């Protein structure tokens, strides 16, 4: 079974879709982080060096956004962005 098929099957289960939808902000942030790192052409180890930390910390940061075990601080996200030559932008968007 492919990942897409497994995801489709899981999202049909009661409660799974709601939980998945609730994690959209984390998924969006993770996509943004990974895309920015890819565009910068940097590895996790290179980002870690620029941030003054070790590669496993970057692995934990990137994976924490989908595991729900830890929410990175704004300070950490800011350092990550700066290591990529970016800046962190946070905004609230009305549901209306």
PDB file of N, CA and C in Angstrom:
ATOM      1  N   UNK A   1       0.851  -1.173   0.000  1.00  0.00           N
ATOM      2  CA  UNK A   1       0.000   0.000   0.000  1.00  0.00           C
ATOM      3  C   UNK A   1       0.901   1.243   0.000  1.00  0.00           C
ATOM      4  N   UNK A   2       0.590   2.193  -0.855  1.00  0.00           N
ATOM      5  CA  UNK A   2       1.395   3.412  -0.945  1.00  0.00           C
ATOM      6  C   UNK A   2       1.033   4.369   0.194  1.00  0.00           C
ATOM      7  N   UNK A   3       1.863   5.364   0.407  1.00  0.00           N
ATOM      8  CA  UNK A   3       1.603   6.365   1.431  1.00  0.00           C
ATOM      9  C   UNK A   3       0.284   7.085   1.154  1.00  0.00           C
ATOM     10  N   UNK A   4       0.056   7.446  -0.086  1.00  0.00           N
ATOM     11  CA  UNK A   4      -1.182   8.145  -0.457  1.00  0.00           C
ATOM     12  C   UNK A   4      -2.415   7.301  -0.163  1.00  0.00           C
ATOM     13  N   UNK A   5      -2.340   6.017  -0.479  1.00  0.00           N
ATOM     14  CA  UNK A   5      -3.470   5.118  -0.222  1.00  0.00           C
ATOM     15  C   UNK A   5      -3.709   4.963   1.281  1.00  0.00           C
ATOM     16  N   UNK A   6      -2.631   4.829   2.030  1.00  0.00           N
ATOM     17  CA  UNK A   6      -2.737   4.688   3.479  1.00  0.00           C
ATOM     18  C   UNK A   6      -3.337   5.953   4.095  1.00  0.00           C
ATOM     19  N   UNK A   7      -2.878   7.113   3.631  1.00  0.00           N
ATOM     20  CA  UNK A   7      -3.401   8.386   4.134  1.00  0.00           C
ATOM     21  C   UNK A   7      -4.890   8.509   3.827  1.00  0.00           C
ATOM     22  N   UNK A   8      -5.266   8.199   2.599  1.00  0.00           N
ATOM     23  CA  UNK A   8      -6.677   8.278   2.186  1.00  0.00           C
ATOM     24  C   UNK A   8      -7.541   7.368   3.056  1.00  0.00           C
ATOM     25  N   UNK A   9      -7.065   6.160   3.298  1.00  0.00           N
ATOM     26  CA  UNK A   9      -7.808   5.205   4.119  1.00  0.00           C
ATOM     27  C   UNK A   9      -7.931   5.705   5.562  1.00  0.00           C
ATOM     28  N   UNK A  10      -6.852   6.213   6.101  1.00  0.00           N
ATOM     29  CA  UNK A  10      -6.856   6.697   7.490  1.00  0.00           C
ATOM     30  C   UNK A  10      -7.793   7.887   7.663  1.00  0.00           C
ATOM     31  N   UNK A  11      -7.801   8.799   6.695  1.00  0.00           N
ATOM     32  CA  UNK A  11      -8.624  10.004   6.810  1.00  0.00           C
ATOM     33  C   UNK A  11     -10.119   9.720   6.743  1.00  0.00           C
ATOM     34  N   UNK A  12     -10.480   8.517   6.339  1.00  0.00           N
ATOM     35  CA  UNK A  12     -11.897   8.131   6.319  1.00  0.00           C
ATOM     36  C   UNK A  12     -12.380   7.683   7.698  1.00  0.00           C
ATOM     37  N   UNK A  13     -11.435   7.418   8.616  1.00  0.00           N
ATOM     38  CA  UNK A  13     -11.801   6.962   9.958  1.00  0.00           C
ATOM     39  C   UNK A  13     -12.285   8.130  10.802  1.00  0.00           C
ATOM     40  N   UNK A  14     -13.280   7.817  11.647  1.00  0.00           N
ATOM     41  CA  UNK A  14     -13.878   8.827  12.512  1.00  0.00           C
ATOM     42  C   UNK A  14     -12.806   9.476  13.400  1.00  0.00           C
ATOM     43  N   UNK A  15     -12.780  10.774  13.405  1.00  0.00           N
ATOM     44  CA  UNK A  15     -11.858  11.508  14.262  1.00  0.00           C
ATOM     45  C   UNK A  15     -10.483  11.758  13.662  1.00  0.00           C
ATOM     46  N   UNK A  16     -10.054  10.911  12.744  1.00  0.00           N
ATOM     47  CA  UNK A  16      -8.716  11.051  12.175  1.00  0.00           C
ATOM     48  C   UNK A  16      -8.622  12.316  11.336  1.00  0.00           C
ATOM     49  N   UNK A  17      -9.631  12.572  10.515  1.00  0.00           N
ATOM     50  CA  UNK A  17      -9.607  13.764   9.662  1.00  0.00           C
ATOM     51  C   UNK A  17      -9.572  15.034  10.504  1.00  0.00           C
ATOM     52  N   UNK A  18     -10.356  15.093  11.562  1.00  0.00           N
ATOM     53  CA  UNK A  18     -10.373  16.273  12.431  1.00  0.00           C
ATOM     54  C   UNK A  18      -9.008  16.488  13.076  1.00  0.00           C
ATOM     55  N   UNK A  19      -8.401  15.411  13.549  1.00  0.00           N
ATOM     56  CA  UNK A  19      -7.073  15.517  14.161  1.00  0.00           C
ATOM     57  C   UNK A  19      -6.038  15.948  13.126  1.00  0.00           C
ATOM     58  N   UNK A  20      -6.138  15.408  11.927  1.00  0.00           N
ATOM     59  CA  UNK A  20      -5.228  15.767  10.840  1.00  0.00           C
ATOM     60  C   UNK A  20      -5.391  17.244  10.479  1.00  0.00           C
ATOM     61  N   UNK A  21      -6.622  17.690  10.341  1.00  0.00           N
ATOM     62  CA  UNK A  21      -6.889  19.085  10.002  1.00  0.00           C
ATOM     63  C   UNK A  21      -6.392  20.034  11.088  1.00  0.00           C
ATOM     64  N   UNK A  22      -6.500  19.609  12.342  1.00  0.00           N
ATOM     65  CA  UNK A  22      -6.050  20.439  13.455  1.00  0.00           C
ATOM     66  C   UNK A  22      -4.534  20.663  13.430  1.00  0.00           C
ATOM     67  N   UNK A  23      -3.815  19.769  12.773  1.00  0.00           N
ATOM     68  CA  UNK A  23      -2.355  19.901  12.697  1.00  0.00           C
ATOM     69  C   UNK A  23      -1.895  20.685  11.473  1.00  0.00           C
ATOM     70  N   UNK A  24      -2.804  21.247  10.713  1.00  0.00           N
ATOM     71  CA  UNK A  24      -2.435  21.971   9.491  1.00  0.00           C
ATOM     72  C   UNK A  24      -1.396  23.058   9.725  1.00  0.00           C
ATOM     73  N   UNK A  25      -1.490  23.869  10.793  1.00  0.00           N
ATOM     74  CA  UNK A  25      -0.452  24.883  10.990  1.00  0.00           C
ATOM     75  C   UNK A  25       0.955  24.285  11.135  1.00  0.00           C
ATOM     76  N   UNK A  26       1.052  23.170  11.844  1.00  0.00           N
ATOM     77  CA  UNK A  26       2.350  22.510  12.001  1.00  0.00           C
ATOM     78  C   UNK A  26       2.858  21.972  10.663  1.00  0.00           C
ATOM     79  N   UNK A  27       1.962  21.353   9.894  1.00  0.00           N
ATOM     80  CA  UNK A  27       2.355  20.830   8.583  1.00  0.00           C
ATOM     81  C   UNK A  27       2.810  21.958   7.659  1.00  0.00           C
ATOM     82  N   UNK A  28       2.096  23.070   7.702  1.00  0.00           N
ATOM     83  CA  UNK A  28       2.450  24.211   6.857  1.00  0.00           C
ATOM     84  C   UNK A  28       3.815  24.756   7.240  1.00  0.00           C
ATOM     85  N   UNK A  29       4.045  24.906   8.542  1.00  0.00           N
ATOM     86  CA  UNK A  29       5.347  25.407   8.998  1.00  0.00           C
ATOM     87  C   UNK A  29       6.465  24.449   8.608  1.00  0.00           C
ATOM     88  N   UNK A  30       6.248  23.157   8.774  1.00  0.00           N
ATOM     89  CA  UNK A  30       7.268  22.184   8.397  1.00  0.00           C
ATOM     90  C   UNK A  30       7.583  22.270   6.906  1.00  0.00           C
ATOM     91  N   UNK A  31       6.543  22.360   6.069  1.00  0.00           N
ATOM     92  CA  UNK A  31       6.775  22.503   4.626  1.00  0.00           C
ATOM     93  C   UNK A  31       7.602  23.746   4.328  1.00  0.00           C
ATOM     94  N   UNK A  32       7.295  24.847   5.015  1.00  0.00           N
ATOM     95  CA  UNK A  32       8.032  26.099   4.810  1.00  0.00           C
ATOM     96  C   UNK A  32       9.498  25.943   5.227  1.00  0.00           C
ATOM     97  N   UNK A  33       9.735  25.307   6.369  1.00  0.00           N
ATOM     98  CA  UNK A  33      11.105  25.105   6.836  1.00  0.00           C
ATOM     99  C   UNK A  33      11.899  24.253   5.850  1.00  0.00           C
ATOM    100  N   UNK A  34      11.306  23.143   5.441  1.00  0.00           N
ATOM    101  CA  UNK A  34      12.014  22.235   4.538  1.00  0.00           C
ATOM    102  C   UNK A  34      12.242  22.867   3.171  1.00  0.00           C
ATOM    103  N   UNK A  35      11.275  23.607   2.675  1.00  0.00           N
ATOM    104  CA  UNK A  35      11.420  24.282   1.387  1.00  0.00           C
ATOM    105  C   UNK A  35      12.511  25.346   1.457  1.00  0.00           C
ATOM    106  N   UNK A  36      12.528  26.119   2.533  1.00  0.00           N
ATOM    107  CA  UNK A  36      13.554  27.157   2.693  1.00  0.00           C
ATOM    108  C   UNK A  36      14.948  26.530   2.783  1.00  0.00           C
ATOM    109  N   UNK A  37      15.058  25.416   3.515  1.00  0.00           N
ATOM    110  CA  UNK A  37      16.362  24.740   3.631  1.00  0.00           C
ATOM    111  C   UNK A  37      16.798  24.197   2.279  1.00  0.00           C
ATOM    112  N   UNK A  38      15.848  23.633   1.528  1.00  0.00           N
ATOM    113  CA  UNK A  38      16.156  23.106   0.196  1.00  0.00           C
ATOM    114  C   UNK A  38      16.604  24.245  -0.727  1.00  0.00           C
ATOM    115  N   UNK A  39      15.886  25.362  -0.720  1.00  0.00           N
ATOM    116  CA  UNK A  39      16.250  26.503  -1.564  1.00  0.00           C
ATOM    117  C   UNK A  39      17.624  27.049  -1.209  1.00  0.00           C
ATOM    118  N   UNK A  40      17.955  27.019   0.094  1.00  0.00           N
ATOM    119  CA  UNK A  40      19.263  27.492   0.539  1.00  0.00           C
ATOM    120  C   UNK A  40      20.365  26.486   0.211  1.00  0.00           C
ATOM    121  N   UNK A  41      19.959  25.251  -0.116  1.00  0.00           N
ATOM    122  CA  UNK A  41      20.931  24.215  -0.450  1.00  0.00           C
ATOM    123  C   UNK A  41      21.762  23.761   0.740  1.00  0.00           C
ATOM    124  N   UNK A  42      21.156  23.806   1.936  1.00  0.00           N
ATOM    125  CA  UNK A  42      21.880  23.457   3.153  1.00  0.00           C
ATOM    126  C   UNK A  42      21.365  22.159   3.766  1.00  0.00           C
ATOM    127  N   UNK A  43      22.281  21.417   4.346  1.00  0.00           N
ATOM    128  CA  UNK A  43      21.916  20.192   5.057  1.00  0.00           C
ATOM    129  C   UNK A  43      21.533  20.546   6.492  1.00  0.00           C
ATOM    130  N   UNK A  44      20.990  19.574   7.200  1.00  0.00           N
ATOM    131  CA  UNK A  44      20.681  19.792   8.608  1.00  0.00           C
ATOM    132  C   UNK A  44      21.953  20.119   9.382  1.00  0.00           C
ATOM    133  N   UNK A  45      23.050  19.454   9.053  1.00  0.00           N
ATOM    134  CA  UNK A  45      24.321  19.703   9.741  1.00  0.00           C
ATOM    135  C   UNK A  45      24.806  21.132   9.494  1.00  0.00           C
ATOM    136  N   UNK A  46      24.629  21.620   8.295  1.00  0.00           N
ATOM    137  CA  UNK A  46      25.063  22.991   7.978  1.00  0.00           C
ATOM    138  C   UNK A  46      24.203  24.025   8.708  1.00  0.00           C
ATOM    139  N   UNK A  47      22.889  23.769   8.777  1.00  0.00           N
ATOM    140  CA  UNK A  47      22.007  24.661   9.523  1.00  0.00           C
ATOM    141  C   UNK A  47      22.406  24.650  10.996  1.00  0.00           C
ATOM    142  N   UNK A  48      22.660  23.464  11.523  1.00  0.00           N
ATOM    143  CA  UNK A  48      23.048  23.328  12.928  1.00  0.00           C
ATOM    144  C   UNK A  48      24.310  24.130  13.223  1.00  0.00           C
ATOM    145  N   UNK A  49      25.280  24.035  12.355  1.00  0.00           N
ATOM    146  CA  UNK A  49      26.532  24.769  12.558  1.00  0.00           C
ATOM    147  C   UNK A  49      26.273  26.273  12.592  1.00  0.00           C
ATOM    148  N   UNK A  50      25.455  26.759  11.684  1.00  0.00           N
ATOM    149  CA  UNK A  50      25.133  28.183  11.636  1.00  0.00           C
ATOM    150  C   UNK A  50      24.362  28.628  12.879  1.00  0.00           C
ATOM    151  N   UNK A  51      23.596  27.713  13.470  1.00  0.00           N
ATOM    152  CA  UNK A  51      22.807  28.026  14.660  1.00  0.00           C
ATOM    153  C   UNK A  51      23.597  27.792  15.946  1.00  0.00           C
ATOM    154  N   UNK A  52      24.779  27.196  15.831  1.00  0.00           N
ATOM    155  CA  UNK A  52      25.578  26.903  17.013  1.00  0.00           C
ATOM    156  C   UNK A  52      25.067  25.713  17.793  1.00  0.00           C
ATOM    157  N   UNK A  53      24.535  24.725  17.065  1.00  0.00           N
ATOM    158  CA  UNK A  53      24.022  23.516  17.711  1.00  0.00           C
ATOM    159  C   UNK A  53      24.485  22.299  16.912  1.00  0.00           C
ATOM    160  N   UNK A  54      23.927  21.153  17.194  1.00  0.00           N
ATOM    161  CA  UNK A  54      24.306  19.913  16.502  1.00  0.00           C
ATOM    162  C   UNK A  54      23.176  19.450  15.587  1.00  0.00           C
ATOM    163  N   UNK A  55      23.529  18.665  14.581  1.00  0.00           N
ATOM    164  CA  UNK A  55      22.558  18.187  13.588  1.00  0.00           C
ATOM    165  C   UNK A  55      21.350  17.474  14.202  1.00  0.00           C
ATOM    166  N   UNK A  56      21.534  16.629  15.247  1.00  0.00           N
ATOM    167  CA  UNK A  56      20.352  15.980  15.826  1.00  0.00           C
ATOM    168  C   UNK A  56      19.311  16.973  16.348  1.00  0.00           C
ATOM    169  N   UNK A  57      19.751  18.153  16.778  1.00  0.00           N
ATOM    170  CA  UNK A  57      18.805  19.169  17.248  1.00  0.00           C
ATOM    171  C   UNK A  57      17.938  19.658  16.096  1.00  0.00           C
ATOM    172  N   UNK A  58      18.505  19.749  14.910  1.00  0.00           N
ATOM    173  CA  UNK A  58      17.746  20.182  13.737  1.00  0.00           C
ATOM    174  C   UNK A  58      16.775  19.086  13.319  1.00  0.00           C
ATOM    175  N   UNK A  59      17.224  17.844  13.399  1.00  0.00           N
ATOM    176  CA  UNK A  59      16.338  16.710  13.109  1.00  0.00           C
ATOM    177  C   UNK A  59      15.145  16.732  14.058  1.00  0.00           C
ATOM    178  N   UNK A  60      15.415  16.949  15.362  1.00  0.00           N
ATOM    179  CA  UNK A  60      14.329  17.009  16.354  1.00  0.00           C
ATOM    180  C   UNK A  60      13.403  18.185  16.062  1.00  0.00           C
ATOM    181  N   UNK A  61      13.971  19.334  15.704  1.00  0.00           N
ATOM    182  CA  UNK A  61      13.159  20.513  15.397  1.00  0.00           C
ATOM    183  C   UNK A  61      12.214  20.220  14.239  1.00  0.00           C
ATOM    184  N   UNK A  62      12.754  19.704  13.151  1.00  0.00           N
ATOM    185  CA  UNK A  62      11.933  19.439  11.975  1.00  0.00           C
ATOM    186  C   UNK A  62      10.901  18.341  12.234  1.00  0.00           C
ATOM    187  N   UNK A  63      11.273  17.320  12.978  1.00  0.00           N
ATOM    188  CA  UNK A  63      10.326  16.231  13.233  1.00  0.00           C
ATOM    189  C   UNK A  63       9.309  16.593  14.314  1.00  0.00           C
ATOM    190  N   UNK A  64       9.654  17.541  15.188  1.00  0.00           N
ATOM    191  CA  UNK A  64       8.736  17.909  16.271  1.00  0.00           C
ATOM    192  C   UNK A  64       7.439  18.504  15.746  1.00  0.00           C
ATOM    193  N   UNK A  65       7.495  19.074  14.575  1.00  0.00           N
ATOM    194  CA  UNK A  65       6.306  19.720  14.025  1.00  0.00           C
ATOM    195  C   UNK A  65       5.244  18.721  13.598  1.00  0.00           C
ATOM    196  N   UNK A  66       5.619  17.487  13.384  1.00  0.00           N
ATOM    197  CA  UNK A  66       4.625  16.478  13.014  1.00  0.00           C
ATOM    198  C   UNK A  66       4.375  15.464  14.130  1.00  0.00           C
ATOM    199  N   UNK A  67       5.255  15.444  15.122  1.00  0.00           N
ATOM    200  CA  UNK A  67       5.087  14.466  16.196  1.00  0.00           C
ATOM    201  C   UNK A  67       4.152  14.963  17.289  1.00  0.00           C
ATOM    202  N   UNK A  68       4.043  16.288  17.430  1.00  0.00           N
ATOM    203  CA  UNK A  68       3.213  16.848  18.486  1.00  0.00           C
ATOM    204  C   UNK A  68       3.837  16.724  19.863  1.00  0.00           C
ATOM    205  N   UNK A  69       5.077  16.225  19.948  1.00  0.00           N
ATOM    206  CA  UNK A  69       5.736  16.033  21.237  1.00  0.00           C
ATOM    207  C   UNK A  69       6.352  17.320  21.771  1.00  0.00           C
ATOM    208  N   UNK A  70       6.673  18.245  20.882  1.00  0.00           N
ATOM    209  CA  UNK A  70       7.359  19.456  21.297  1.00  0.00           C
ATOM    210  C   UNK A  70       7.033  20.565  20.315  1.00  0.00           C
ATOM    211  N   UNK A  71       6.796  21.738  20.833  1.00  0.00           N
ATOM    212  CA  UNK A  71       6.588  22.901  19.977  1.00  0.00           C
ATOM    213  C   UNK A  71       7.822  23.775  20.086  1.00  0.00           C
ATOM    214  N   UNK A  72       8.496  24.021  18.968  1.00  0.00           N
ATOM    215  CA  UNK A  72       9.706  24.838  19.036  1.00  0.00           C
ATOM    216  C   UNK A  72       9.373  26.272  19.443  1.00  0.00           C
ATOM    217  N   UNK A  73      10.303  26.901  20.133  1.00  0.00           N
ATOM    218  CA  UNK A  73      10.091  28.282  20.550  1.00  0.00           C
ATOM    219  C   UNK A  73      10.233  29.221  19.353  1.00  0.00           C
ATOM    220  N   UNK A  74       9.690  30.399  19.495  1.00  0.00           N
ATOM    221  CA  UNK A  74       9.832  31.409  18.446  1.00  0.00           C
ATOM    222  C   UNK A  74      11.302  31.753  18.271  1.00  0.00           C
ATOM    223  N   UNK A  75      12.030  31.792  19.371  1.00  0.00           N
ATOM    224  CA  UNK A  75      13.466  32.072  19.311  1.00  0.00           C
ATOM    225  C   UNK A  75      14.205  31.042  18.455  1.00  0.00           C
ATOM    226  N   UNK A  76      13.880  29.778  18.635  1.00  0.00           N
ATOM    227  CA  UNK A  76      14.507  28.718  17.852  1.00  0.00           C
ATOM    228  C   UNK A  76      14.142  28.841  16.379  1.00  0.00           C
ATOM    229  N   UNK A  77      12.878  29.096  16.101  1.00  0.00           N
ATOM    230  CA  UNK A  77      12.444  29.260  14.706  1.00  0.00           C
ATOM    231  C   UNK A  77      13.127  30.468  14.063  1.00  0.00           C
ATOM    232  N   UNK A  78      13.306  31.515  14.844  1.00  0.00           N
ATOM    233  CA  UNK A  78      13.991  32.717  14.349  1.00  0.00           C
ATOM    234  C   UNK A  78      15.442  32.388  13.999  1.00  0.00           C
ATOM    235  N   UNK A  79      16.131  31.658  14.871  1.00  0.00           N
ATOM    236  CA  UNK A  79      17.520  31.269  14.601  1.00  0.00           C
ATOM    237  C   UNK A  79      17.610  30.396  13.356  1.00  0.00           C
ATOM    238  N   UNK A  80      16.666  29.481  13.202  1.00  0.00           N
ATOM    239  CA  UNK A  80      16.623  28.598  12.031  1.00  0.00           C
ATOM    240  C   UNK A  80      16.473  29.449  10.773  1.00  0.00           C
ATOM    241  N   UNK A  81      15.525  30.376  10.804  1.00  0.00           N
ATOM    242  CA  UNK A  81      15.292  31.251   9.650  1.00  0.00           C
ATOM    243  C   UNK A  81      16.540  32.063   9.322  1.00  0.00           C
ATOM    244  N   UNK A  82      17.160  32.628  10.329  1.00  0.00           N
ATOM    245  CA  UNK A  82      18.357  33.444  10.109  1.00  0.00           C
ATOM    246  C   UNK A  82      19.507  32.611   9.538  1.00  0.00           C
ATOM    247  N   UNK A  83      19.615  31.360   9.972  1.00  0.00           N
ATOM    248  CA  UNK A  83      20.654  30.472   9.442  1.00  0.00           C
ATOM    249  C   UNK A  83      20.455  30.204   7.952  1.00  0.00           C
ATOM    250  N   UNK A  84      19.205  30.346   7.495  1.00  0.00           N
ATOM    251  CA  UNK A  84      18.882  30.150   6.083  1.00  0.00           C
ATOM    252  C   UNK A  84      18.943  31.452   5.286  1.00  0.00           C
ATOM    253  N   UNK A  85      19.253  32.560   5.972  1.00  0.00           N
ATOM    254  CA  UNK A  85      19.240  33.854   5.307  1.00  0.00           C
ATOM    255  C   UNK A  85      17.834  34.386   5.127  1.00  0.00           C
ATOM    256  N   UNK A  86      16.932  33.969   6.009  1.00  0.00           N
ATOM    257  CA  UNK A  86      15.532  34.395   5.963  1.00  0.00           C
ATOM    258  C   UNK A  86      15.191  35.113   7.263  1.00  0.00           C
ATOM    259  N   UNK A  87      13.979  35.609   7.361  1.00  0.00           N
ATOM    260  CA  UNK A  87      13.469  36.131   8.623  1.00  0.00           C
ATOM    261  C   UNK A  87      12.142  35.439   8.913  1.00  0.00           C
ATOM    262  N   UNK A  88      11.836  35.358  10.190  1.00  0.00           N
ATOM    263  CA  UNK A  88      10.601  34.709  10.620  1.00  0.00           C
ATOM    264  C   UNK A  88       9.477  35.730  10.604  1.00  0.00           C
ATOM    265  N   UNK A  89       8.365  35.363  10.018  1.00  0.00           N
ATOM    266  CA  UNK A  89       7.198  36.223   9.968  1.00  0.00           C
ATOM    267  C   UNK A  89       6.016  35.446  10.519  1.00  0.00           C
ATOM    268  N   UNK A  90       5.383  35.996  11.537  1.00  0.00           N
ATOM    269  CA  UNK A  90       4.227  35.345  12.164  1.00  0.00           C
ATOM    270  C   UNK A  90       3.053  36.294  12.058  1.00  0.00           C
ATOM    271  N   UNK A  91       1.894  35.763  11.696  1.00  0.00           N
ATOM    272  CA  UNK A  91       0.729  36.620  11.608  1.00  0.00           C
ATOM    273  C   UNK A  91      -0.524  35.854  12.001  1.00  0.00           C
ATOM    274  N   UNK A  92      -1.508  36.590  12.440  1.00  0.00           N
ATOM    275  CA  UNK A  92      -2.817  36.024  12.738  1.00  0.00           C
ATOM    276  C   UNK A  92      -3.738  36.334  11.580  1.00  0.00           C
ATOM    277  N   UNK A  93      -4.525  35.367  11.189  1.00  0.00           N
ATOM    278  CA  UNK A  93      -5.433  35.516  10.050  1.00  0.00           C
ATOM    279  C   UNK A  93      -6.851  35.272  10.541  1.00  0.00           C
ATOM    280  N   UNK A  94      -7.737  36.198  10.254  1.00  0.00           N
ATOM    281  CA  UNK A  94      -9.125  36.073  10.668  1.00  0.00           C
ATOM    282  C   UNK A  94      -9.806  34.899   9.973  1.00  0.00           C
ATOM    283  N   UNK A  95     -10.679  34.223  10.680  1.00  0.00           N
ATOM    284  CA  UNK A  95     -11.443  33.110  10.106  1.00  0.00           C
ATOM    285  C   UNK A  95     -12.620  33.595   9.286  1.00  0.00           C
ATOM    286  N   UNK A  96     -12.881  34.870   9.288  1.00  0.00           N
ATOM    287  CA  UNK A  96     -14.042  35.420   8.545  1.00  0.00           C
ATOM    288  C   UNK A  96     -13.763  35.535   7.076  1.00  0.00           C
TER     289      UNK A  96
END
